[in-house]
Amino acid sequence: MDQTVNAPTKAPLQLLDLRGKKGLIIGIANEQSIAYGIARHCDAYGAELAITYLNEKGEKYVRPLAEGMHAPIVMPCDVRNEGELEAVFDAIKEKWGRLDFVIHSIAFANREDLHGRVVDCSRDGFSLAMDVSCFSFVRCAKLAEPLMTNGGTLMTVSFYGGRKVVEHYNVMGPVKAALESTTKYLAHELGPKGIRVLALSPGPLKTRAASGIDRFDELMEEAASKAPTHQLADINDCGSFAAYLVSDLAKSVTGTTLFIDGGAHIVG
């Protein structure tokens, strides 16, 4: 029997190239934000970006960063305010007529709910944390769907506290668990249209959002000590990985949470 195996044809070299892609970045607060690390890398690889800031106070930190990336759309977006998210997508439709990717990197909980036990969380506090941190991703998906005429990528940011108990993460644990489940269901529903949905899960990073978590420095030290690499990821690690995930090189990756934490999540 002839068992000759034909050698595979050598594939042409593919380099990461986001030129021609249009992306929306939601969640930059300052130059330490995960969203900024992602935006900066997407910009470096050639994507054109729409960038949002939370409010007038945040604009002074975000607008210079957006202008440095020559973003043609820079707008306020507090998902708690009626119509602001929709206005951003309306501007994208008017400017570009389409959209290739959305980076959703926002989360919020009232301080008293974040610092208290889950069992003591108020109904309103739980609803607010879920609305801002999870349901806003669903809203982004609904608004992006008609603009992703050639497929696209929706990406949110999670944390391993949604999969196992992390001291002091409190109400955000259940919220992130819901966000990761939502990612799977959106991927299932939007997959036939060529829209991929992913969650990126960095380990603990020193960001403005993280500063609200009690004893966060201890959490960072513990994560670094138990991670196989003995070091934490930073916003540049998040940025380079996210740029790959929104590129055509990752066209078969969807419906999953991808960890970028030096392997800390594999250690109990």
C-alpha atoms as a PDB file:
ATOM      1  CA  MET A   1       0.000   0.000   0.000  1.00  0.00           C
ATOM      2  CA  ASP A   2       1.318   3.398  -0.946  1.00  0.00           C
ATOM      3  CA  GLN A   3       1.670   5.398   2.237  1.00  0.00           C
ATOM      4  CA  THR A   4       3.276   8.438   0.664  1.00  0.00           C
ATOM      5  CA  VAL A   5       2.204  11.651   2.346  1.00  0.00           C
ATOM      6  CA  ASN A   6       2.267  14.772   0.287  1.00  0.00           C
ATOM      7  CA  ALA A   7       4.137  17.639   1.907  1.00  0.00           C
ATOM      8  CA  PRO A   8       1.854  20.533   2.821  1.00  0.00           C
ATOM      9  CA  THR A   9       2.009  23.577   0.631  1.00  0.00           C
ATOM     10  CA  LYS A  10       3.893  26.371   2.334  1.00  0.00           C
ATOM     11  CA  ALA A  11       1.415  29.062   3.322  1.00  0.00           C
ATOM     12  CA  PRO A  12       2.248  32.687   2.610  1.00  0.00           C
ATOM     13  CA  LEU A  13       3.478  34.653   5.582  1.00  0.00           C
ATOM     14  CA  GLN A  14       0.603  36.493   7.256  1.00  0.00           C
ATOM     15  CA  LEU A  15       1.394  39.525   9.353  1.00  0.00           C
ATOM     16  CA  LEU A  16      -1.026  41.216  11.712  1.00  0.00           C
ATOM     17  CA  ASP A  17      -2.704  43.907   9.669  1.00  0.00           C
ATOM     18  CA  LEU A  18      -5.736  45.911  10.787  1.00  0.00           C
ATOM     19  CA  ARG A  19      -5.623  48.463   7.993  1.00  0.00           C
ATOM     20  CA  GLY A  20      -9.113  49.187   6.705  1.00  0.00           C
ATOM     21  CA  LYS A  21     -10.794  47.989   9.900  1.00  0.00           C
ATOM     22  CA  LYS A  22     -13.041  50.319  11.899  1.00  0.00           C
ATOM     23  CA  GLY A  23     -13.292  49.803  15.632  1.00  0.00           C
ATOM     24  CA  LEU A  24     -15.065  51.259  18.650  1.00  0.00           C
ATOM     25  CA  ILE A  25     -13.231  51.433  21.982  1.00  0.00           C
ATOM     26  CA  ILE A  26     -15.394  51.946  25.080  1.00  0.00           C
ATOM     27  CA  GLY A  27     -13.735  52.257  28.466  1.00  0.00           C
ATOM     28  CA  ILE A  28     -10.598  54.385  28.271  1.00  0.00           C
ATOM     29  CA  ALA A  29     -10.244  56.403  31.493  1.00  0.00           C
ATOM     30  CA  ASN A  30      -6.559  57.295  31.246  1.00  0.00           C
ATOM     31  CA  GLU A  31      -3.249  55.985  29.898  1.00  0.00           C
ATOM     32  CA  GLN A  32      -3.275  53.119  32.408  1.00  0.00           C
ATOM     33  CA  SER A  33      -6.574  51.681  31.164  1.00  0.00           C
ATOM     34  CA  ILE A  34      -6.745  48.229  29.606  1.00  0.00           C
ATOM     35  CA  ALA A  35      -8.889  49.806  26.890  1.00  0.00           C
ATOM     36  CA  TYR A  36      -6.081  52.239  26.092  1.00  0.00           C
ATOM     37  CA  GLY A  37      -3.555  49.420  25.784  1.00  0.00           C
ATOM     38  CA  ILE A  38      -5.900  47.747  23.309  1.00  0.00           C
ATOM     39  CA  ALA A  39      -6.632  50.966  21.412  1.00  0.00           C
ATOM     40  CA  ARG A  40      -2.964  51.830  21.091  1.00  0.00           C
ATOM     41  CA  HIS A  41      -2.105  48.458  19.575  1.00  0.00           C
ATOM     42  CA  CYS A  42      -5.094  48.439  17.228  1.00  0.00           C
ATOM     43  CA  ASP A  43      -4.067  51.910  16.072  1.00  0.00           C
ATOM     44  CA  ALA A  44      -0.463  50.805  15.588  1.00  0.00           C
ATOM     45  CA  TYR A  45      -1.600  47.948  13.353  1.00  0.00           C
ATOM     46  CA  GLY A  46      -3.619  50.303  11.191  1.00  0.00           C
ATOM     47  CA  ALA A  47      -7.202  50.292  12.508  1.00  0.00           C
ATOM     48  CA  GLU A  48      -9.255  53.476  12.533  1.00  0.00           C
ATOM     49  CA  LEU A  49     -10.896  54.051  15.895  1.00  0.00           C
ATOM     50  CA  ALA A  50     -13.920  55.664  17.502  1.00  0.00           C
ATOM     51  CA  ILE A  51     -13.190  56.383  21.157  1.00  0.00           C
ATOM     52  CA  THR A  52     -15.480  57.291  24.033  1.00  0.00           C
ATOM     53  CA  TYR A  53     -14.942  58.983  27.378  1.00  0.00           C
ATOM     54  CA  LEU A  54     -17.210  58.737  30.421  1.00  0.00           C
ATOM     55  CA  ASN A  55     -18.030  62.378  31.083  1.00  0.00           C
ATOM     56  CA  GLU A  56     -16.682  65.931  30.995  1.00  0.00           C
ATOM     57  CA  LYS A  57     -14.270  65.192  33.834  1.00  0.00           C
ATOM     58  CA  GLY A  58     -12.871  62.204  31.989  1.00  0.00           C
ATOM     59  CA  GLU A  59     -12.611  63.974  28.646  1.00  0.00           C
ATOM     60  CA  LYS A  60      -9.474  65.893  29.637  1.00  0.00           C
ATOM     61  CA  TYR A  61      -7.649  62.586  30.128  1.00  0.00           C
ATOM     62  CA  VAL A  62      -9.060  60.700  27.157  1.00  0.00           C
ATOM     63  CA  ARG A  63      -9.230  63.266  24.362  1.00  0.00           C
ATOM     64  CA  PRO A  64      -5.427  63.801  24.147  1.00  0.00           C
ATOM     65  CA  LEU A  65      -4.965  60.025  23.896  1.00  0.00           C
ATOM     66  CA  ALA A  66      -7.625  59.789  21.185  1.00  0.00           C
ATOM     67  CA  GLU A  67      -6.102  62.681  19.261  1.00  0.00           C
ATOM     68  CA  GLY A  68      -2.712  60.978  19.488  1.00  0.00           C
ATOM     69  CA  MET A  69      -4.265  58.051  17.633  1.00  0.00           C
ATOM     70  CA  HIS A  70      -6.018  60.394  15.154  1.00  0.00           C
ATOM     71  CA  ALA A  71      -9.432  59.027  16.121  1.00  0.00           C
ATOM     72  CA  PRO A  72     -12.056  60.712  13.924  1.00  0.00           C
ATOM     73  CA  ILE A  73     -14.854  60.041  16.429  1.00  0.00           C
ATOM     74  CA  VAL A  74     -14.413  61.032  20.089  1.00  0.00           C
ATOM     75  CA  MET A  75     -17.631  61.165  22.096  1.00  0.00           C
ATOM     76  CA  PRO A  76     -19.029  60.937  25.631  1.00  0.00           C
ATOM     77  CA  CYS A  77     -20.593  57.638  26.601  1.00  0.00           C
ATOM     78  CA  ASP A  78     -21.973  56.867  30.017  1.00  0.00           C
ATOM     79  CA  VAL A  79     -24.188  53.829  29.496  1.00  0.00           C
ATOM     80  CA  ARG A  80     -26.303  54.955  32.463  1.00  0.00           C
ATOM     81  CA  ASN A  81     -27.417  58.030  30.527  1.00  0.00           C
ATOM     82  CA  GLU A  82     -30.298  57.529  28.120  1.00  0.00           C
ATOM     83  CA  GLY A  83     -29.278  57.743  24.486  1.00  0.00           C
ATOM     84  CA  GLU A  84     -25.519  58.236  24.846  1.00  0.00           C
ATOM     85  CA  LEU A  85     -24.519  54.764  23.678  1.00  0.00           C
ATOM     86  CA  GLU A  86     -26.985  54.969  20.793  1.00  0.00           C
ATOM     87  CA  ALA A  87     -25.550  58.371  19.782  1.00  0.00           C
ATOM     88  CA  VAL A  88     -22.086  56.843  19.459  1.00  0.00           C
ATOM     89  CA  PHE A  89     -23.337  54.135  17.113  1.00  0.00           C
ATOM     90  CA  ASP A  90     -25.317  56.719  15.136  1.00  0.00           C
ATOM     91  CA  ALA A  91     -22.123  58.714  14.629  1.00  0.00           C
ATOM     92  CA  ILE A  92     -20.297  55.589  13.475  1.00  0.00           C
ATOM     93  CA  LYS A  93     -23.061  54.799  11.008  1.00  0.00           C
ATOM     94  CA  GLU A  94     -22.930  58.334   9.619  1.00  0.00           C
ATOM     95  CA  LYS A  95     -19.120  58.468   9.441  1.00  0.00           C
ATOM     96  CA  TRP A  96     -18.234  54.951   8.338  1.00  0.00           C
ATOM     97  CA  GLY A  97     -21.456  53.125   7.521  1.00  0.00           C
ATOM     98  CA  ARG A  98     -20.043  49.949   9.024  1.00  0.00           C
ATOM     99  CA  LEU A  99     -18.077  48.594  11.973  1.00  0.00           C
ATOM    100  CA  ASP A 100     -15.552  45.762  12.325  1.00  0.00           C
ATOM    101  CA  PHE A 101     -14.967  45.470  16.058  1.00  0.00           C
ATOM    102  CA  VAL A 102     -16.085  46.733  19.453  1.00  0.00           C
ATOM    103  CA  ILE A 103     -13.973  46.675  22.604  1.00  0.00           C
ATOM    104  CA  HIS A 104     -16.185  46.862  25.718  1.00  0.00           C
ATOM    105  CA  SER A 105     -14.062  47.512  28.791  1.00  0.00           C
ATOM    106  CA  ILE A 106     -16.349  49.048  31.394  1.00  0.00           C
ATOM    107  CA  ALA A 107     -17.544  47.959  34.825  1.00  0.00           C
ATOM    108  CA  PHE A 108     -19.081  49.688  37.808  1.00  0.00           C
ATOM    109  CA  ALA A 109     -20.519  48.972  41.242  1.00  0.00           C
ATOM    110  CA  ASN A 110     -21.426  51.293  44.075  1.00  0.00           C
ATOM    111  CA  ARG A 111     -18.607  51.484  46.612  1.00  0.00           C
ATOM    112  CA  GLU A 112     -20.718  50.150  49.467  1.00  0.00           C
ATOM    113  CA  ASP A 113     -21.776  47.144  47.387  1.00  0.00           C
ATOM    114  CA  LEU A 114     -18.262  46.493  46.119  1.00  0.00           C
ATOM    115  CA  HIS A 115     -16.804  46.581  49.624  1.00  0.00           C
ATOM    116  CA  GLY A 116     -19.579  44.615  51.281  1.00  0.00           C
ATOM    117  CA  ARG A 117     -20.651  40.995  51.233  1.00  0.00           C
ATOM    118  CA  VAL A 118     -22.658  39.762  48.268  1.00  0.00           C
ATOM    119  CA  VAL A 119     -25.421  38.720  50.653  1.00  0.00           C
ATOM    120  CA  ASP A 120     -25.687  42.335  51.846  1.00  0.00           C
ATOM    121  CA  CYS A 121     -25.767  43.890  48.374  1.00  0.00           C
ATOM    122  CA  SER A 122     -28.828  46.022  47.725  1.00  0.00           C
ATOM    123  CA  ARG A 123     -31.228  45.190  44.922  1.00  0.00           C
ATOM    124  CA  ASP A 124     -30.563  48.535  43.254  1.00  0.00           C
ATOM    125  CA  GLY A 125     -26.816  48.119  43.662  1.00  0.00           C
ATOM    126  CA  PHE A 126     -26.834  44.649  42.164  1.00  0.00           C
ATOM    127  CA  SER A 127     -28.993  45.825  39.264  1.00  0.00           C
ATOM    128  CA  LEU A 128     -26.716  48.800  38.605  1.00  0.00           C
ATOM    129  CA  ALA A 129     -23.551  46.683  38.598  1.00  0.00           C
ATOM    130  CA  MET A 130     -25.163  44.178  36.248  1.00  0.00           C
ATOM    131  CA  ASP A 131     -26.544  46.876  33.950  1.00  0.00           C
ATOM    132  CA  VAL A 132     -23.296  48.798  33.508  1.00  0.00           C
ATOM    133  CA  SER A 133     -20.882  45.867  33.538  1.00  0.00           C
ATOM    134  CA  CYS A 134     -22.871  43.209  31.674  1.00  0.00           C
ATOM    135  CA  PHE A 135     -26.087  44.337  30.011  1.00  0.00           C
ATOM    136  CA  SER A 136     -24.301  47.231  28.308  1.00  0.00           C
ATOM    137  CA  PHE A 137     -22.360  44.580  26.353  1.00  0.00           C
ATOM    138  CA  VAL A 138     -25.665  43.147  25.129  1.00  0.00           C
ATOM    139  CA  ARG A 139     -26.698  46.639  24.058  1.00  0.00           C
ATOM    140  CA  CYS A 140     -23.413  47.080  22.187  1.00  0.00           C
ATOM    141  CA  ALA A 141     -24.009  43.793  20.379  1.00  0.00           C
ATOM    142  CA  LYS A 142     -27.506  44.810  19.318  1.00  0.00           C
ATOM    143  CA  LEU A 143     -26.335  48.188  18.031  1.00  0.00           C
ATOM    144  CA  ALA A 144     -23.259  46.770  16.307  1.00  0.00           C
ATOM    145  CA  GLU A 145     -25.020  43.872  14.578  1.00  0.00           C
ATOM    146  CA  PRO A 146     -26.532  45.884  11.671  1.00  0.00           C
ATOM    147  CA  LEU A 147     -23.206  47.672  11.118  1.00  0.00           C
ATOM    148  CA  MET A 148     -21.153  44.469  10.942  1.00  0.00           C
ATOM    149  CA  THR A 149     -22.241  43.673   7.403  1.00  0.00           C
ATOM    150  CA  ASN A 150     -19.059  41.714   6.709  1.00  0.00           C
ATOM    151  CA  GLY A 151     -18.847  40.068  10.098  1.00  0.00           C
ATOM    152  CA  GLY A 152     -16.899  41.437  13.034  1.00  0.00           C
ATOM    153  CA  THR A 153     -15.672  40.993  16.579  1.00  0.00           C
ATOM    154  CA  LEU A 154     -17.218  41.954  19.903  1.00  0.00           C
ATOM    155  CA  MET A 155     -14.851  41.760  22.850  1.00  0.00           C
ATOM    156  CA  THR A 156     -15.399  42.435  26.540  1.00  0.00           C
ATOM    157  CA  VAL A 157     -13.094  42.303  29.557  1.00  0.00           C
ATOM    158  CA  SER A 158     -13.637  39.868  32.415  1.00  0.00           C
ATOM    159  CA  PHE A 159     -11.681  38.647  35.462  1.00  0.00           C
ATOM    160  CA  TYR A 160     -11.169  35.211  36.981  1.00  0.00           C
ATOM    161  CA  GLY A 161     -13.156  36.336  40.018  1.00  0.00           C
ATOM    162  CA  GLY A 162     -16.167  35.449  37.902  1.00  0.00           C
ATOM    163  CA  ARG A 163     -15.134  31.788  37.920  1.00  0.00           C
ATOM    164  CA  LYS A 164     -13.935  31.314  41.468  1.00  0.00           C
ATOM    165  CA  VAL A 165     -14.160  33.257  44.683  1.00  0.00           C
ATOM    166  CA  VAL A 166     -11.566  36.015  45.001  1.00  0.00           C
ATOM    167  CA  GLU A 167     -11.411  37.782  48.349  1.00  0.00           C
ATOM    168  CA  HIS A 168     -12.771  41.340  48.230  1.00  0.00           C
ATOM    169  CA  TYR A 169     -14.052  41.034  44.653  1.00  0.00           C
ATOM    170  CA  ASN A 170     -17.538  40.617  46.103  1.00  0.00           C
ATOM    171  CA  VAL A 171     -20.501  41.583  43.890  1.00  0.00           C
ATOM    172  CA  MET A 172     -18.341  41.851  40.779  1.00  0.00           C
ATOM    173  CA  GLY A 173     -17.818  38.077  40.912  1.00  0.00           C
ATOM    174  CA  PRO A 174     -21.427  37.211  40.012  1.00  0.00           C
ATOM    175  CA  VAL A 175     -21.477  40.097  37.528  1.00  0.00           C
ATOM    176  CA  LYS A 176     -18.395  38.848  35.657  1.00  0.00           C
ATOM    177  CA  ALA A 177     -19.807  35.305  35.692  1.00  0.00           C
ATOM    178  CA  ALA A 178     -22.903  36.661  33.958  1.00  0.00           C
ATOM    179  CA  LEU A 179     -20.728  38.567  31.489  1.00  0.00           C
ATOM    180  CA  GLU A 180     -18.829  35.431  30.495  1.00  0.00           C
ATOM    181  CA  SER A 181     -22.061  33.470  30.053  1.00  0.00           C
ATOM    182  CA  THR A 182     -23.482  36.323  27.993  1.00  0.00           C
ATOM    183  CA  THR A 183     -20.407  36.138  25.778  1.00  0.00           C
ATOM    184  CA  LYS A 184     -21.182  32.509  24.965  1.00  0.00           C
ATOM    185  CA  TYR A 185     -24.820  33.127  24.130  1.00  0.00           C
ATOM    186  CA  LEU A 186     -24.055  36.146  21.959  1.00  0.00           C
ATOM    187  CA  ALA A 187     -21.422  34.129  20.108  1.00  0.00           C
ATOM    188  CA  HIS A 188     -23.958  31.393  19.444  1.00  0.00           C
ATOM    189  CA  GLU A 189     -26.601  33.810  18.202  1.00  0.00           C
ATOM    190  CA  LEU A 190     -24.371  36.043  16.083  1.00  0.00           C
ATOM    191  CA  GLY A 191     -21.995  33.413  14.726  1.00  0.00           C
ATOM    192  CA  PRO A 192     -24.078  32.724  11.592  1.00  0.00           C
ATOM    193  CA  LYS A 193     -23.535  36.381  10.630  1.00  0.00           C
ATOM    194  CA  GLY A 194     -19.792  36.057  10.962  1.00  0.00           C
ATOM    195  CA  ILE A 195     -19.721  38.033  14.207  1.00  0.00           C
ATOM    196  CA  ARG A 196     -17.354  36.634  16.820  1.00  0.00           C
ATOM    197  CA  VAL A 197     -17.800  37.330  20.542  1.00  0.00           C
ATOM    198  CA  LEU A 198     -14.986  36.994  23.058  1.00  0.00           C
ATOM    199  CA  ALA A 199     -14.030  37.828  26.623  1.00  0.00           C
ATOM    200  CA  LEU A 200     -10.466  38.758  27.517  1.00  0.00           C
ATOM    201  CA  SER A 201      -9.532  37.943  31.104  1.00  0.00           C
ATOM    202  CA  PRO A 202      -6.374  39.640  32.368  1.00  0.00           C
ATOM    203  CA  GLY A 203      -5.143  39.025  35.846  1.00  0.00           C
ATOM    204  CA  PRO A 204      -5.175  41.893  38.331  1.00  0.00           C
ATOM    205  CA  LEU A 205      -3.813  45.087  36.769  1.00  0.00           C
ATOM    206  CA  LYS A 206      -3.198  48.450  38.397  1.00  0.00           C
ATOM    207  CA  THR A 207      -5.945  50.467  36.736  1.00  0.00           C
ATOM    208  CA  ARG A 208      -8.315  53.187  37.897  1.00  0.00           C
ATOM    209  CA  ALA A 209     -11.190  50.704  38.049  1.00  0.00           C
ATOM    210  CA  ALA A 210      -9.170  48.241  40.122  1.00  0.00           C
ATOM    211  CA  SER A 211      -8.348  50.895  42.703  1.00  0.00           C
ATOM    212  CA  GLY A 212     -11.894  50.597  44.047  1.00  0.00           C
ATOM    213  CA  ILE A 213     -11.360  46.975  45.111  1.00  0.00           C
ATOM    214  CA  ASP A 214     -10.364  46.614  48.760  1.00  0.00           C
ATOM    215  CA  ARG A 215      -6.769  45.403  49.393  1.00  0.00           C
ATOM    216  CA  PHE A 216      -6.093  45.178  45.675  1.00  0.00           C
ATOM    217  CA  ASP A 217      -2.315  45.406  46.110  1.00  0.00           C
ATOM    218  CA  GLU A 218      -2.430  42.165  48.103  1.00  0.00           C
ATOM    219  CA  LEU A 219      -4.428  40.527  45.317  1.00  0.00           C
ATOM    220  CA  MET A 220      -1.788  41.559  42.769  1.00  0.00           C
ATOM    221  CA  GLU A 221       1.045  40.223  44.915  1.00  0.00           C
ATOM    222  CA  GLU A 222      -0.741  36.905  45.444  1.00  0.00           C
ATOM    223  CA  ALA A 223      -1.509  36.520  41.734  1.00  0.00           C
ATOM    224  CA  ALA A 224       2.095  37.226  40.758  1.00  0.00           C
ATOM    225  CA  SER A 225       3.467  34.789  43.322  1.00  0.00           C
ATOM    226  CA  LYS A 226       1.265  31.876  42.216  1.00  0.00           C
ATOM    227  CA  ALA A 227       1.385  32.477  38.456  1.00  0.00           C
ATOM    228  CA  PRO A 228       3.672  30.010  36.637  1.00  0.00           C
ATOM    229  CA  THR A 229       5.479  32.972  35.067  1.00  0.00           C
ATOM    230  CA  HIS A 230       5.682  34.776  38.438  1.00  0.00           C
ATOM    231  CA  GLN A 231       4.686  38.018  36.806  1.00  0.00           C
ATOM    232  CA  LEU A 232       1.501  39.806  35.857  1.00  0.00           C
ATOM    233  CA  ALA A 233       0.351  40.918  32.451  1.00  0.00           C
ATOM    234  CA  ASP A 234       0.189  44.632  31.678  1.00  0.00           C
ATOM    235  CA  ILE A 235      -1.951  46.732  29.359  1.00  0.00           C
ATOM    236  CA  ASN A 236       0.496  46.216  26.490  1.00  0.00           C
ATOM    237  CA  ASP A 237       0.121  42.439  26.793  1.00  0.00           C
ATOM    238  CA  CYS A 238      -3.640  42.934  26.683  1.00  0.00           C
ATOM    239  CA  GLY A 239      -3.304  45.252  23.715  1.00  0.00           C
ATOM    240  CA  SER A 240      -1.202  43.012  21.524  1.00  0.00           C
ATOM    241  CA  PHE A 241      -3.373  39.968  22.229  1.00  0.00           C
ATOM    242  CA  ALA A 242      -6.612  41.868  21.616  1.00  0.00           C
ATOM    243  CA  ALA A 243      -5.267  43.247  18.323  1.00  0.00           C
ATOM    244  CA  TYR A 244      -4.615  39.673  17.205  1.00  0.00           C
ATOM    245  CA  LEU A 245      -8.097  38.601  18.287  1.00  0.00           C
ATOM    246  CA  VAL A 246      -9.852  41.280  16.232  1.00  0.00           C
ATOM    247  CA  SER A 247      -7.708  40.488  13.206  1.00  0.00           C
ATOM    248  CA  ASP A 248      -8.556  38.005  10.467  1.00  0.00           C
ATOM    249  CA  LEU A 249      -5.871  35.695  11.869  1.00  0.00           C
ATOM    250  CA  ALA A 250      -8.273  34.795  14.703  1.00  0.00           C
ATOM    251  CA  LYS A 251     -11.322  34.263  12.492  1.00  0.00           C
ATOM    252  CA  SER A 252     -12.137  30.873  14.052  1.00  0.00           C
ATOM    253  CA  VAL A 253     -11.953  32.000  17.673  1.00  0.00           C
ATOM    254  CA  THR A 254     -15.289  32.815  19.318  1.00  0.00           C
ATOM    255  CA  GLY A 255     -17.517  32.135  22.312  1.00  0.00           C
ATOM    256  CA  THR A 256     -14.751  31.787  24.870  1.00  0.00           C
ATOM    257  CA  THR A 257     -12.889  33.563  27.633  1.00  0.00           C
ATOM    258  CA  LEU A 258      -9.187  33.935  26.949  1.00  0.00           C
ATOM    259  CA  PHE A 259      -6.838  34.387  29.899  1.00  0.00           C
ATOM    260  CA  ILE A 260      -3.815  36.651  29.833  1.00  0.00           C
ATOM    261  CA  ASP A 261      -2.550  36.428  33.402  1.00  0.00           C
ATOM    262  CA  GLY A 262       0.737  34.545  33.340  1.00  0.00           C
ATOM    263  CA  GLY A 263      -1.227  31.346  34.023  1.00  0.00           C
ATOM    264  CA  ALA A 264      -2.468  32.471  37.464  1.00  0.00           C
ATOM    265  CA  HIS A 265      -5.945  31.123  36.720  1.00  0.00           C
ATOM    266  CA  ILE A 266      -4.712  27.515  36.564  1.00  0.00           C
ATOM    267  CA  VAL A 267      -3.406  27.558  40.128  1.00  0.00           C
ATOM    268  CA  GLY A 268      -5.878  27.034  42.965  1.00  0.00           C
END
